């Protein structure tokens, strides 16, 4: 998942992101390291947070744009 890349690109700490999304910092760390996978609703929240598509977040495409 591109989570770490997106977070670092925006210069957001794991703690800030976790607080913004109402998650634990440890959860963000586990998502980034691949130890844990986000559920469907959390994927939507993360994609909305970075304004990217879920497919981009999951590396299914290199196009970050959201199709609405």
N, C-alpha and C. Protein backbone atom coordinates (compact mmCIF):
# COMPACT_ATOMS: atom_id res chain seq x y z
N UNK A 1 0.84 -1.17 0.00
CA UNK A 1 0.00 0.00 0.00
C UNK A 1 0.90 1.24 0.00
N UNK A 2 0.44 2.26 -0.66
CA UNK A 2 1.19 3.50 -0.79
C UNK A 2 1.03 4.43 0.41
N UNK A 3 0.54 3.93 1.47
CA UNK A 3 0.22 4.77 2.62
C UNK A 3 1.42 5.57 3.11
N UNK A 4 2.53 4.90 3.33
CA UNK A 4 3.72 5.59 3.86
C UNK A 4 4.19 6.67 2.89
N UNK A 5 4.21 6.35 1.61
CA UNK A 5 4.62 7.33 0.60
C UNK A 5 3.73 8.57 0.65
N UNK A 6 2.41 8.36 0.65
CA UNK A 6 1.48 9.49 0.68
C UNK A 6 1.63 10.30 1.96
N UNK A 7 1.78 9.61 3.06
CA UNK A 7 1.90 10.31 4.35
C UNK A 7 3.16 11.15 4.41
N UNK A 8 4.27 10.57 3.98
CA UNK A 8 5.54 11.29 4.02
C UNK A 8 5.57 12.43 3.00
N UNK A 9 4.95 12.23 1.86
CA UNK A 9 4.88 13.27 0.84
C UNK A 9 4.16 14.51 1.37
N UNK A 10 3.12 14.29 2.19
CA UNK A 10 2.37 15.40 2.78
C UNK A 10 2.99 15.89 4.10
N UNK A 11 4.08 15.23 4.51
CA UNK A 11 4.78 15.57 5.76
C UNK A 11 3.85 15.48 6.97
N UNK A 12 3.14 14.36 7.01
CA UNK A 12 2.23 14.10 8.12
C UNK A 12 2.81 12.95 8.95
N UNK A 13 2.85 13.12 10.25
CA UNK A 13 3.34 12.05 11.11
C UNK A 13 2.29 10.95 11.24
N UNK A 14 2.75 9.78 11.64
CA UNK A 14 1.81 8.69 11.89
C UNK A 14 0.81 9.09 12.97
N UNK A 15 1.29 9.77 13.98
CA UNK A 15 0.42 10.17 15.08
C UNK A 15 -0.65 11.16 14.61
N UNK A 16 -0.26 12.15 13.82
CA UNK A 16 -1.22 13.13 13.30
C UNK A 16 -2.28 12.44 12.45
N UNK A 17 -1.84 11.57 11.56
CA UNK A 17 -2.76 10.85 10.69
C UNK A 17 -3.72 9.99 11.53
N UNK A 18 -3.16 9.29 12.49
CA UNK A 18 -3.97 8.44 13.36
C UNK A 18 -5.02 9.26 14.10
N UNK A 19 -4.63 10.40 14.61
CA UNK A 19 -5.57 11.25 15.33
C UNK A 19 -6.65 11.78 14.38
N UNK A 20 -6.26 12.17 13.18
CA UNK A 20 -7.22 12.69 12.20
C UNK A 20 -8.24 11.63 11.79
N UNK A 21 -7.80 10.38 11.72
CA UNK A 21 -8.68 9.29 11.28
C UNK A 21 -9.28 8.49 12.44
N UNK A 22 -9.00 8.94 13.66
CA UNK A 22 -9.51 8.26 14.85
C UNK A 22 -9.02 6.80 14.93
N UNK A 23 -7.73 6.64 14.68
CA UNK A 23 -7.07 5.33 14.76
C UNK A 23 -5.91 5.43 15.73
N UNK A 24 -5.35 4.31 16.11
CA UNK A 24 -4.15 4.30 16.94
C UNK A 24 -2.91 4.47 16.05
N UNK A 25 -1.90 5.13 16.57
CA UNK A 25 -0.65 5.31 15.81
C UNK A 25 -0.06 3.97 15.45
N UNK A 26 -0.17 3.01 16.33
CA UNK A 26 0.35 1.67 16.08
C UNK A 26 -0.37 1.01 14.89
N UNK A 27 -1.63 1.31 14.71
CA UNK A 27 -2.39 0.78 13.59
C UNK A 27 -1.83 1.31 12.28
N UNK A 28 -1.54 2.60 12.21
CA UNK A 28 -0.95 3.19 11.01
C UNK A 28 0.39 2.53 10.73
N UNK A 29 1.20 2.34 11.74
CA UNK A 29 2.50 1.68 11.60
C UNK A 29 2.34 0.27 11.04
N UNK A 30 1.37 -0.46 11.55
CA UNK A 30 1.14 -1.82 11.07
C UNK A 30 0.64 -1.85 9.63
N UNK A 31 -0.19 -0.88 9.24
CA UNK A 31 -0.62 -0.78 7.85
C UNK A 31 0.59 -0.54 6.94
N UNK A 32 1.45 0.37 7.35
CA UNK A 32 2.61 0.72 6.53
C UNK A 32 3.61 -0.43 6.40
N UNK A 33 3.75 -1.22 7.43
CA UNK A 33 4.71 -2.32 7.40
C UNK A 33 4.12 -3.60 6.82
N UNK A 34 2.81 -3.61 6.57
CA UNK A 34 2.17 -4.77 5.99
C UNK A 34 1.78 -5.85 6.99
N UNK A 35 1.93 -5.55 8.27
CA UNK A 35 1.57 -6.49 9.32
C UNK A 35 0.06 -6.63 9.42
N UNK A 36 -0.64 -5.54 9.11
CA UNK A 36 -2.09 -5.50 9.24
C UNK A 36 -2.68 -4.85 7.99
N UNK A 37 -3.89 -5.27 7.61
CA UNK A 37 -4.56 -4.68 6.46
C UNK A 37 -5.80 -3.92 6.92
N UNK A 38 -6.01 -2.80 6.28
CA UNK A 38 -7.16 -1.96 6.62
C UNK A 38 -8.45 -2.61 6.13
N UNK A 39 -9.51 -2.43 6.89
CA UNK A 39 -10.81 -2.91 6.43
C UNK A 39 -11.37 -1.94 5.39
N UNK A 40 -12.49 -2.32 4.80
CA UNK A 40 -13.09 -1.57 3.72
C UNK A 40 -13.36 -0.12 4.10
N UNK A 41 -13.99 0.11 5.22
CA UNK A 41 -14.33 1.47 5.64
C UNK A 41 -13.08 2.30 5.91
N UNK A 42 -12.06 1.69 6.49
CA UNK A 42 -10.82 2.40 6.75
C UNK A 42 -10.12 2.76 5.45
N UNK A 43 -10.14 1.86 4.47
CA UNK A 43 -9.58 2.18 3.15
C UNK A 43 -10.25 3.41 2.55
N UNK A 44 -11.56 3.46 2.66
CA UNK A 44 -12.29 4.62 2.15
C UNK A 44 -11.85 5.89 2.88
N UNK A 45 -11.73 5.81 4.19
CA UNK A 45 -11.31 6.96 4.99
C UNK A 45 -9.91 7.43 4.61
N UNK A 46 -9.00 6.50 4.42
CA UNK A 46 -7.62 6.85 4.06
C UNK A 46 -7.58 7.46 2.66
N UNK A 47 -8.31 6.86 1.73
CA UNK A 47 -8.36 7.40 0.36
C UNK A 47 -8.93 8.81 0.36
N UNK A 48 -9.99 9.03 1.11
CA UNK A 48 -10.57 10.37 1.22
C UNK A 48 -9.61 11.35 1.88
N UNK A 49 -8.90 10.89 2.87
CA UNK A 49 -7.94 11.72 3.60
C UNK A 49 -6.86 12.27 2.67
N UNK A 50 -6.40 11.43 1.76
CA UNK A 50 -5.36 11.85 0.81
C UNK A 50 -5.91 12.26 -0.55
N UNK A 51 -7.24 12.19 -0.69
CA UNK A 51 -7.89 12.54 -1.95
C UNK A 51 -7.34 11.74 -3.13
N UNK A 52 -7.24 10.44 -2.94
CA UNK A 52 -6.79 9.52 -3.99
C UNK A 52 -7.79 8.37 -4.09
N UNK A 53 -7.71 7.63 -5.17
CA UNK A 53 -8.59 6.48 -5.32
C UNK A 53 -8.09 5.31 -4.47
N UNK A 54 -9.00 4.42 -4.15
CA UNK A 54 -8.61 3.22 -3.41
C UNK A 54 -7.67 2.36 -4.28
N UNK A 55 -7.93 2.31 -5.57
CA UNK A 55 -7.04 1.56 -6.47
C UNK A 55 -5.62 2.10 -6.43
N UNK A 56 -5.47 3.42 -6.36
CA UNK A 56 -4.14 4.01 -6.26
C UNK A 56 -3.51 3.64 -4.91
N UNK A 57 -4.29 3.73 -3.87
CA UNK A 57 -3.81 3.40 -2.53
C UNK A 57 -3.32 1.96 -2.46
N UNK A 58 -4.01 1.06 -3.15
CA UNK A 58 -3.67 -0.37 -3.14
C UNK A 58 -2.70 -0.77 -4.26
N UNK A 59 -2.18 0.25 -4.97
CA UNK A 59 -1.19 0.05 -6.04
C UNK A 59 -1.74 -0.75 -7.22
N UNK A 60 -3.04 -0.62 -7.47
CA UNK A 60 -3.65 -1.27 -8.63
C UNK A 60 -3.55 -0.38 -9.86
N UNK A 61 -3.25 0.91 -9.65
CA UNK A 61 -3.07 1.87 -10.72
C UNK A 61 -2.06 2.92 -10.28
N UNK A 62 -1.47 3.59 -11.25
CA UNK A 62 -0.55 4.69 -10.93
C UNK A 62 -1.25 6.04 -11.05
N UNK A 63 -2.55 6.01 -11.34
CA UNK A 63 -3.33 7.24 -11.46
C UNK A 63 -4.04 7.51 -10.12
N UNK A 64 -3.64 8.57 -9.43
CA UNK A 64 -4.23 8.84 -8.12
C UNK A 64 -5.62 9.46 -8.16
N UNK A 65 -6.09 9.87 -9.34
CA UNK A 65 -7.35 10.58 -9.44
C UNK A 65 -8.54 9.70 -9.06
N UNK A 66 -9.49 10.35 -8.41
CA UNK A 66 -10.71 9.67 -7.99
C UNK A 66 -11.75 9.86 -9.08
N UNK A 67 -12.35 8.78 -9.54
CA UNK A 67 -13.41 8.87 -10.54
C UNK A 67 -14.75 8.96 -9.82
N UNK A 68 -15.46 10.03 -10.08
CA UNK A 68 -16.76 10.23 -9.43
C UNK A 68 -17.84 10.28 -10.47
